[in-house]
Every structure is written in structure tokens, then in C-alpha cells.
Amino acid sequence: MPRAYVFLIIAVAFETFGTSCLQAAQQFTRPLPTIGVAIGFAGAFWFLALTLQYLPLGIVYAVWSGLGIVFIALIGLVAFGQRLDGAAVAGMGLILAGILVIHLLSDSARH
């Protein structure tokens, strides 16, 4: 797997962790999850910046935010009991389809 995608996957993982901690921090009233927010977002932006050495900003941001939305929705369902309706699931399916279209069919994904 090319280095850019390794960095991007790590950035998504950090962002997902940080956002999950944001929910658990309860408006920054719980210290441990609050520290997790800072670590998560610092790591996410660090690896996002490294990814930008290899891929264009629009493509990186589309994949980073799209995968983040899907993963956070799944974590919200499992960890916080937040339910998704059919429209939300369909919308997330379209996000994933868009990411696939970008990477499989677009020349923009190549730097």
C-alpha cells in the first residue's frame, strides 16, 4: 500500500478516536476523554498533513471526512446507542460510493 494511503488511514483512525472522545468528554467535563480529543485531533491533522505531500487536498479531504462520517456513525451506534434510519444509511452508502468513484475512476486521485 502506498505511503500516502497508510498516512490517510492513520489520520482517519485518529480523527475517529478524537471524535468518539468528544462525545465521551461531555462538554470537556471529563479529563481523560478530553485528553483523548486533543491527542486524536492532533494526530489526525499531523497525518493528514503528511498525506498532503502525496495527494491533492480535495481528494484527501473527501476521503478523510467521508470515512470519518461512516466510522463515527458506526461507533455512535455501537458505543452510544445512537440509531440510524434508512435515509442515513443510504446517505452513508452514497458517501462510500463517491469515495470508490474517486479512487477507481478519477485521474484527480493521482498526484
N, C-alpha and C. Protein backbone atom coordinates (compact mmCIF):
# COMPACT_ATOMS: atom_id res chain seq x y z
N MET A 1 0.85 -1.18 0.00
CA MET A 1 0.00 0.00 0.00
C MET A 1 0.90 1.25 0.00
N PRO A 2 0.63 2.20 -0.89
CA PRO A 2 1.45 3.40 -0.93
C PRO A 2 1.41 4.18 0.40
N ARG A 3 2.51 4.84 0.67
CA ARG A 3 2.66 5.60 1.92
C ARG A 3 1.53 6.58 2.15
N ALA A 4 1.07 7.25 1.11
CA ALA A 4 0.01 8.26 1.26
C ALA A 4 -1.24 7.64 1.87
N TYR A 5 -1.59 6.44 1.43
CA TYR A 5 -2.81 5.81 1.94
C TYR A 5 -2.64 5.28 3.36
N VAL A 6 -1.42 4.88 3.70
CA VAL A 6 -1.15 4.50 5.08
C VAL A 6 -1.34 5.71 5.98
N PHE A 7 -0.78 6.85 5.59
CA PHE A 7 -0.94 8.08 6.37
C PHE A 7 -2.42 8.47 6.46
N LEU A 8 -3.14 8.33 5.37
CA LEU A 8 -4.55 8.71 5.35
C LEU A 8 -5.38 7.81 6.27
N ILE A 9 -5.12 6.53 6.25
CA ILE A 9 -5.84 5.60 7.13
C ILE A 9 -5.54 5.92 8.60
N ILE A 10 -4.29 6.23 8.90
CA ILE A 10 -3.93 6.60 10.27
C ILE A 10 -4.63 7.90 10.67
N ALA A 11 -4.68 8.87 9.75
CA ALA A 11 -5.37 10.13 10.03
C ALA A 11 -6.85 9.89 10.33
N VAL A 12 -7.49 9.04 9.56
CA VAL A 12 -8.91 8.72 9.79
C VAL A 12 -9.08 8.04 11.14
N ALA A 13 -8.16 7.14 11.49
CA ALA A 13 -8.24 6.45 12.78
C ALA A 13 -8.13 7.45 13.94
N PHE A 14 -7.17 8.36 13.85
CA PHE A 14 -7.02 9.38 14.90
C PHE A 14 -8.26 10.27 14.98
N GLU A 15 -8.78 10.67 13.83
CA GLU A 15 -9.96 11.54 13.82
C GLU A 15 -11.17 10.83 14.42
N THR A 16 -11.32 9.57 14.09
CA THR A 16 -12.42 8.78 14.63
C THR A 16 -12.29 8.65 16.15
N PHE A 17 -11.08 8.38 16.61
CA PHE A 17 -10.83 8.30 18.05
C PHE A 17 -11.14 9.63 18.74
N GLY A 18 -10.63 10.73 18.18
CA GLY A 18 -10.85 12.05 18.77
C GLY A 18 -12.31 12.44 18.82
N THR A 19 -13.04 12.14 17.76
CA THR A 19 -14.47 12.47 17.74
C THR A 19 -15.25 11.61 18.72
N SER A 20 -14.88 10.36 18.84
CA SER A 20 -15.53 9.49 19.83
C SER A 20 -15.27 10.00 21.24
N CYS A 21 -14.05 10.44 21.48
CA CYS A 21 -13.72 11.01 22.80
C CYS A 21 -14.49 12.30 23.04
N LEU A 22 -14.75 13.05 21.98
CA LEU A 22 -15.51 14.30 22.11
C LEU A 22 -16.90 14.02 22.69
N GLN A 23 -17.54 12.98 22.23
CA GLN A 23 -18.85 12.60 22.77
C GLN A 23 -18.71 12.19 24.24
N ALA A 24 -17.68 11.40 24.53
CA ALA A 24 -17.48 10.90 25.90
C ALA A 24 -17.00 11.99 26.86
N ALA A 25 -16.41 13.06 26.34
CA ALA A 25 -15.88 14.13 27.20
C ALA A 25 -16.98 14.95 27.87
N GLN A 26 -18.20 14.87 27.36
CA GLN A 26 -19.35 15.58 27.91
C GLN A 26 -19.03 17.07 28.14
N GLN A 27 -18.85 17.76 27.05
CA GLN A 27 -18.54 19.20 27.05
C GLN A 27 -17.26 19.50 27.82
N PHE A 28 -16.27 18.65 27.69
CA PHE A 28 -14.94 18.79 28.30
C PHE A 28 -14.99 18.79 29.82
N THR A 29 -15.96 18.10 30.40
CA THR A 29 -16.05 18.00 31.86
C THR A 29 -15.37 16.73 32.38
N ARG A 30 -14.99 15.83 31.50
CA ARG A 30 -14.31 14.60 31.90
C ARG A 30 -12.89 14.64 31.37
N PRO A 31 -11.88 14.64 32.27
CA PRO A 31 -10.50 14.87 31.85
C PRO A 31 -9.91 13.84 30.88
N LEU A 32 -10.10 12.57 31.12
CA LEU A 32 -9.48 11.56 30.26
C LEU A 32 -9.99 11.62 28.82
N PRO A 33 -11.31 11.65 28.61
CA PRO A 33 -11.77 11.79 27.22
C PRO A 33 -11.36 13.13 26.60
N THR A 34 -11.25 14.17 27.41
CA THR A 34 -10.81 15.46 26.89
C THR A 34 -9.38 15.38 26.37
N ILE A 35 -8.52 14.68 27.09
CA ILE A 35 -7.15 14.46 26.61
C ILE A 35 -7.18 13.63 25.33
N GLY A 36 -8.09 12.65 25.27
CA GLY A 36 -8.24 11.85 24.05
C GLY A 36 -8.64 12.69 22.85
N VAL A 37 -9.48 13.70 23.07
CA VAL A 37 -9.86 14.61 21.98
C VAL A 37 -8.62 15.31 21.43
N ALA A 38 -7.81 15.86 22.33
CA ALA A 38 -6.61 16.59 21.91
C ALA A 38 -5.64 15.67 21.16
N ILE A 39 -5.40 14.50 21.70
CA ILE A 39 -4.49 13.55 21.05
C ILE A 39 -5.06 13.11 19.71
N GLY A 40 -6.35 12.81 19.69
CA GLY A 40 -6.98 12.35 18.45
C GLY A 40 -6.90 13.37 17.33
N PHE A 41 -7.25 14.61 17.63
CA PHE A 41 -7.24 15.61 16.57
C PHE A 41 -5.83 16.06 16.20
N ALA A 42 -4.92 16.11 17.16
CA ALA A 42 -3.52 16.43 16.83
C ALA A 42 -2.94 15.37 15.91
N GLY A 43 -3.17 14.11 16.25
CA GLY A 43 -2.68 13.02 15.39
C GLY A 43 -3.33 13.04 14.03
N ALA A 44 -4.63 13.31 14.00
CA ALA A 44 -5.35 13.34 12.73
C ALA A 44 -4.79 14.40 11.80
N PHE A 45 -4.59 15.60 12.32
CA PHE A 45 -4.08 16.68 11.46
C PHE A 45 -2.62 16.47 11.09
N TRP A 46 -1.86 15.86 11.98
CA TRP A 46 -0.46 15.56 11.65
C TRP A 46 -0.40 14.60 10.45
N PHE A 47 -1.13 13.50 10.54
CA PHE A 47 -1.09 12.52 9.45
C PHE A 47 -1.81 13.01 8.21
N LEU A 48 -2.80 13.88 8.38
CA LEU A 48 -3.45 14.50 7.22
C LEU A 48 -2.44 15.37 6.48
N ALA A 49 -1.64 16.12 7.23
CA ALA A 49 -0.61 16.96 6.61
C ALA A 49 0.42 16.10 5.87
N LEU A 50 0.81 14.98 6.44
CA LEU A 50 1.75 14.08 5.77
C LEU A 50 1.16 13.53 4.48
N THR A 51 -0.12 13.23 4.51
CA THR A 51 -0.81 12.71 3.32
C THR A 51 -0.79 13.74 2.19
N LEU A 52 -0.88 15.01 2.56
CA LEU A 52 -0.93 16.07 1.55
C LEU A 52 0.38 16.24 0.79
N GLN A 53 1.44 15.59 1.24
CA GLN A 53 2.69 15.60 0.47
C GLN A 53 2.54 14.77 -0.81
N TYR A 54 1.57 13.87 -0.83
CA TYR A 54 1.45 12.91 -1.92
C TYR A 54 0.16 13.02 -2.73
N LEU A 55 -0.90 13.49 -2.12
CA LEU A 55 -2.20 13.53 -2.79
C LEU A 55 -2.80 14.93 -2.71
N PRO A 56 -3.65 15.31 -3.65
CA PRO A 56 -4.26 16.64 -3.64
C PRO A 56 -5.25 16.82 -2.50
N LEU A 57 -5.35 18.04 -2.01
CA LEU A 57 -6.18 18.39 -0.86
C LEU A 57 -7.63 17.95 -1.00
N GLY A 58 -8.25 18.22 -2.13
CA GLY A 58 -9.67 17.89 -2.31
C GLY A 58 -9.93 16.40 -2.18
N ILE A 59 -9.06 15.60 -2.75
CA ILE A 59 -9.22 14.15 -2.69
C ILE A 59 -8.98 13.66 -1.26
N VAL A 60 -7.93 14.15 -0.63
CA VAL A 60 -7.61 13.74 0.74
C VAL A 60 -8.75 14.10 1.68
N TYR A 61 -9.24 15.31 1.57
CA TYR A 61 -10.30 15.75 2.48
C TYR A 61 -11.60 14.99 2.24
N ALA A 62 -11.91 14.70 0.99
CA ALA A 62 -13.13 13.95 0.69
C ALA A 62 -13.08 12.55 1.32
N VAL A 63 -11.96 11.89 1.18
CA VAL A 63 -11.82 10.54 1.74
C VAL A 63 -11.80 10.61 3.26
N TRP A 64 -11.01 11.53 3.81
CA TRP A 64 -10.87 11.66 5.27
C TRP A 64 -12.21 11.95 5.93
N SER A 65 -12.92 12.92 5.41
CA SER A 65 -14.20 13.27 6.03
C SER A 65 -15.27 12.21 5.76
N GLY A 66 -15.29 11.64 4.56
CA GLY A 66 -16.28 10.63 4.24
C GLY A 66 -16.13 9.38 5.09
N LEU A 67 -14.92 8.87 5.18
CA LEU A 67 -14.70 7.69 6.02
C LEU A 67 -14.95 8.01 7.49
N GLY A 68 -14.56 9.21 7.90
CA GLY A 68 -14.81 9.63 9.29
C GLY A 68 -16.29 9.62 9.62
N ILE A 69 -17.12 10.11 8.70
CA ILE A 69 -18.57 10.13 8.92
C ILE A 69 -19.10 8.71 9.10
N VAL A 70 -18.69 7.82 8.25
CA VAL A 70 -19.18 6.44 8.32
C VAL A 70 -18.71 5.77 9.61
N PHE A 71 -17.43 5.89 9.94
CA PHE A 71 -16.91 5.25 11.15
C PHE A 71 -17.54 5.83 12.42
N ILE A 72 -17.72 7.14 12.45
CA ILE A 72 -18.33 7.76 13.63
C ILE A 72 -19.79 7.32 13.76
N ALA A 73 -20.49 7.20 12.67
CA ALA A 73 -21.87 6.71 12.74
C ALA A 73 -21.92 5.30 13.31
N LEU A 74 -20.99 4.46 12.90
CA LEU A 74 -20.94 3.09 13.43
C LEU A 74 -20.57 3.07 14.91
N ILE A 75 -19.61 3.90 15.30
CA ILE A 75 -19.24 3.99 16.72
C ILE A 75 -20.39 4.55 17.53
N GLY A 76 -21.09 5.55 16.99
CA GLY A 76 -22.25 6.10 17.67
C GLY A 76 -23.31 5.04 17.91
N LEU A 77 -23.49 4.17 16.94
CA LEU A 77 -24.46 3.09 17.07
C LEU A 77 -24.03 2.09 18.14
N VAL A 78 -22.78 1.64 18.07
CA VAL A 78 -22.30 0.59 18.97
C VAL A 78 -22.03 1.12 20.38
N ALA A 79 -21.31 2.22 20.48
CA ALA A 79 -20.85 2.70 21.79
C ALA A 79 -21.87 3.58 22.51
N PHE A 80 -22.65 4.35 21.75
CA PHE A 80 -23.53 5.33 22.37
C PHE A 80 -25.02 5.06 22.12
N GLY A 81 -25.33 3.97 21.43
CA GLY A 81 -26.73 3.61 21.19
C GLY A 81 -27.47 4.56 20.28
N GLN A 82 -26.78 5.28 19.42
CA GLN A 82 -27.42 6.23 18.52
C GLN A 82 -27.85 5.50 17.25
N ARG A 83 -29.13 5.48 17.00
CA ARG A 83 -29.71 4.73 15.87
C ARG A 83 -29.67 5.53 14.58
N LEU A 84 -29.57 4.81 13.48
CA LEU A 84 -29.59 5.41 12.16
C LEU A 84 -30.85 4.96 11.44
N ASP A 85 -31.50 5.88 10.72
CA ASP A 85 -32.65 5.48 9.93
C ASP A 85 -32.18 5.11 8.52
N GLY A 86 -33.11 4.67 7.71
CA GLY A 86 -32.78 4.22 6.36
C GLY A 86 -32.14 5.30 5.51
N ALA A 87 -32.62 6.53 5.65
CA ALA A 87 -32.05 7.63 4.86
C ALA A 87 -30.59 7.88 5.24
N ALA A 88 -30.27 7.78 6.52
CA ALA A 88 -28.89 7.97 6.97
C ALA A 88 -27.99 6.87 6.42
N VAL A 89 -28.47 5.65 6.47
CA VAL A 89 -27.69 4.53 5.94
C VAL A 89 -27.50 4.68 4.43
N ALA A 90 -28.54 5.07 3.73
CA ALA A 90 -28.43 5.28 2.29
C ALA A 90 -27.45 6.40 1.97
N GLY A 91 -27.51 7.49 2.72
CA GLY A 91 -26.58 8.60 2.51
C GLY A 91 -25.14 8.18 2.72
N MET A 92 -24.90 7.38 3.75
CA MET A 92 -23.54 6.91 4.00
C MET A 92 -23.08 5.94 2.91
N GLY A 93 -24.02 5.17 2.38
CA GLY A 93 -23.69 4.31 1.24
C GLY A 93 -23.27 5.15 0.04
N LEU A 94 -23.93 6.27 -0.17
CA LEU A 94 -23.55 7.17 -1.27
C LEU A 94 -22.18 7.79 -1.03
N ILE A 95 -21.88 8.11 0.23
CA ILE A 95 -20.55 8.64 0.54
C ILE A 95 -19.48 7.62 0.18
N LEU A 96 -19.69 6.37 0.59
CA LEU A 96 -18.73 5.32 0.27
C LEU A 96 -18.64 5.10 -1.23
N ALA A 97 -19.77 5.17 -1.92
CA ALA A 97 -19.75 5.03 -3.38
C ALA A 97 -18.96 6.17 -4.01
N GLY A 98 -19.11 7.37 -3.49
CA GLY A 98 -18.36 8.51 -4.00
C GLY A 98 -16.86 8.33 -3.82
N ILE A 99 -16.45 7.81 -2.67
CA ILE A 99 -15.03 7.56 -2.43
C ILE A 99 -14.51 6.53 -3.44
N LEU A 100 -15.28 5.49 -3.68
CA LEU A 100 -14.87 4.48 -4.66
C LEU A 100 -14.77 5.07 -6.06
N VAL A 101 -15.72 5.90 -6.44
CA VAL A 101 -15.68 6.53 -7.77
C VAL A 101 -14.42 7.38 -7.90
N ILE A 102 -14.10 8.16 -6.86
CA ILE A 102 -12.90 8.99 -6.91
C ILE A 102 -11.66 8.14 -7.13
N HIS A 103 -11.55 7.07 -6.37
CA HIS A 103 -10.31 6.29 -6.43
C HIS A 103 -10.23 5.32 -7.59
N LEU A 104 -11.35 4.87 -8.08
CA LEU A 104 -11.31 3.91 -9.17
C LEU A 104 -11.41 4.55 -10.54
N LEU A 105 -12.06 5.69 -10.64
CA LEU A 105 -12.33 6.27 -11.96
C LEU A 105 -11.71 7.63 -12.21
N SER A 106 -11.35 8.37 -11.18
CA SER A 106 -10.86 9.73 -11.38
C SER A 106 -9.34 9.79 -11.49
N ASP A 107 -8.88 10.56 -12.44
CA ASP A 107 -7.44 10.81 -12.55
C ASP A 107 -6.98 11.83 -11.51
N SER A 108 -7.91 12.52 -10.86
CA SER A 108 -7.56 13.51 -9.84
C SER A 108 -6.92 12.90 -8.61
N ALA A 109 -7.17 11.61 -8.37
CA ALA A 109 -6.64 10.95 -7.18
C ALA A 109 -5.15 10.66 -7.30
N ARG A 110 -4.62 10.84 -8.48
CA ARG A 110 -3.18 10.62 -8.68
C ARG A 110 -2.46 11.95 -8.59
N HIS A 111 -1.35 11.98 -7.91
CA HIS A 111 -0.61 13.24 -7.73
C HIS A 111 0.59 13.26 -8.61
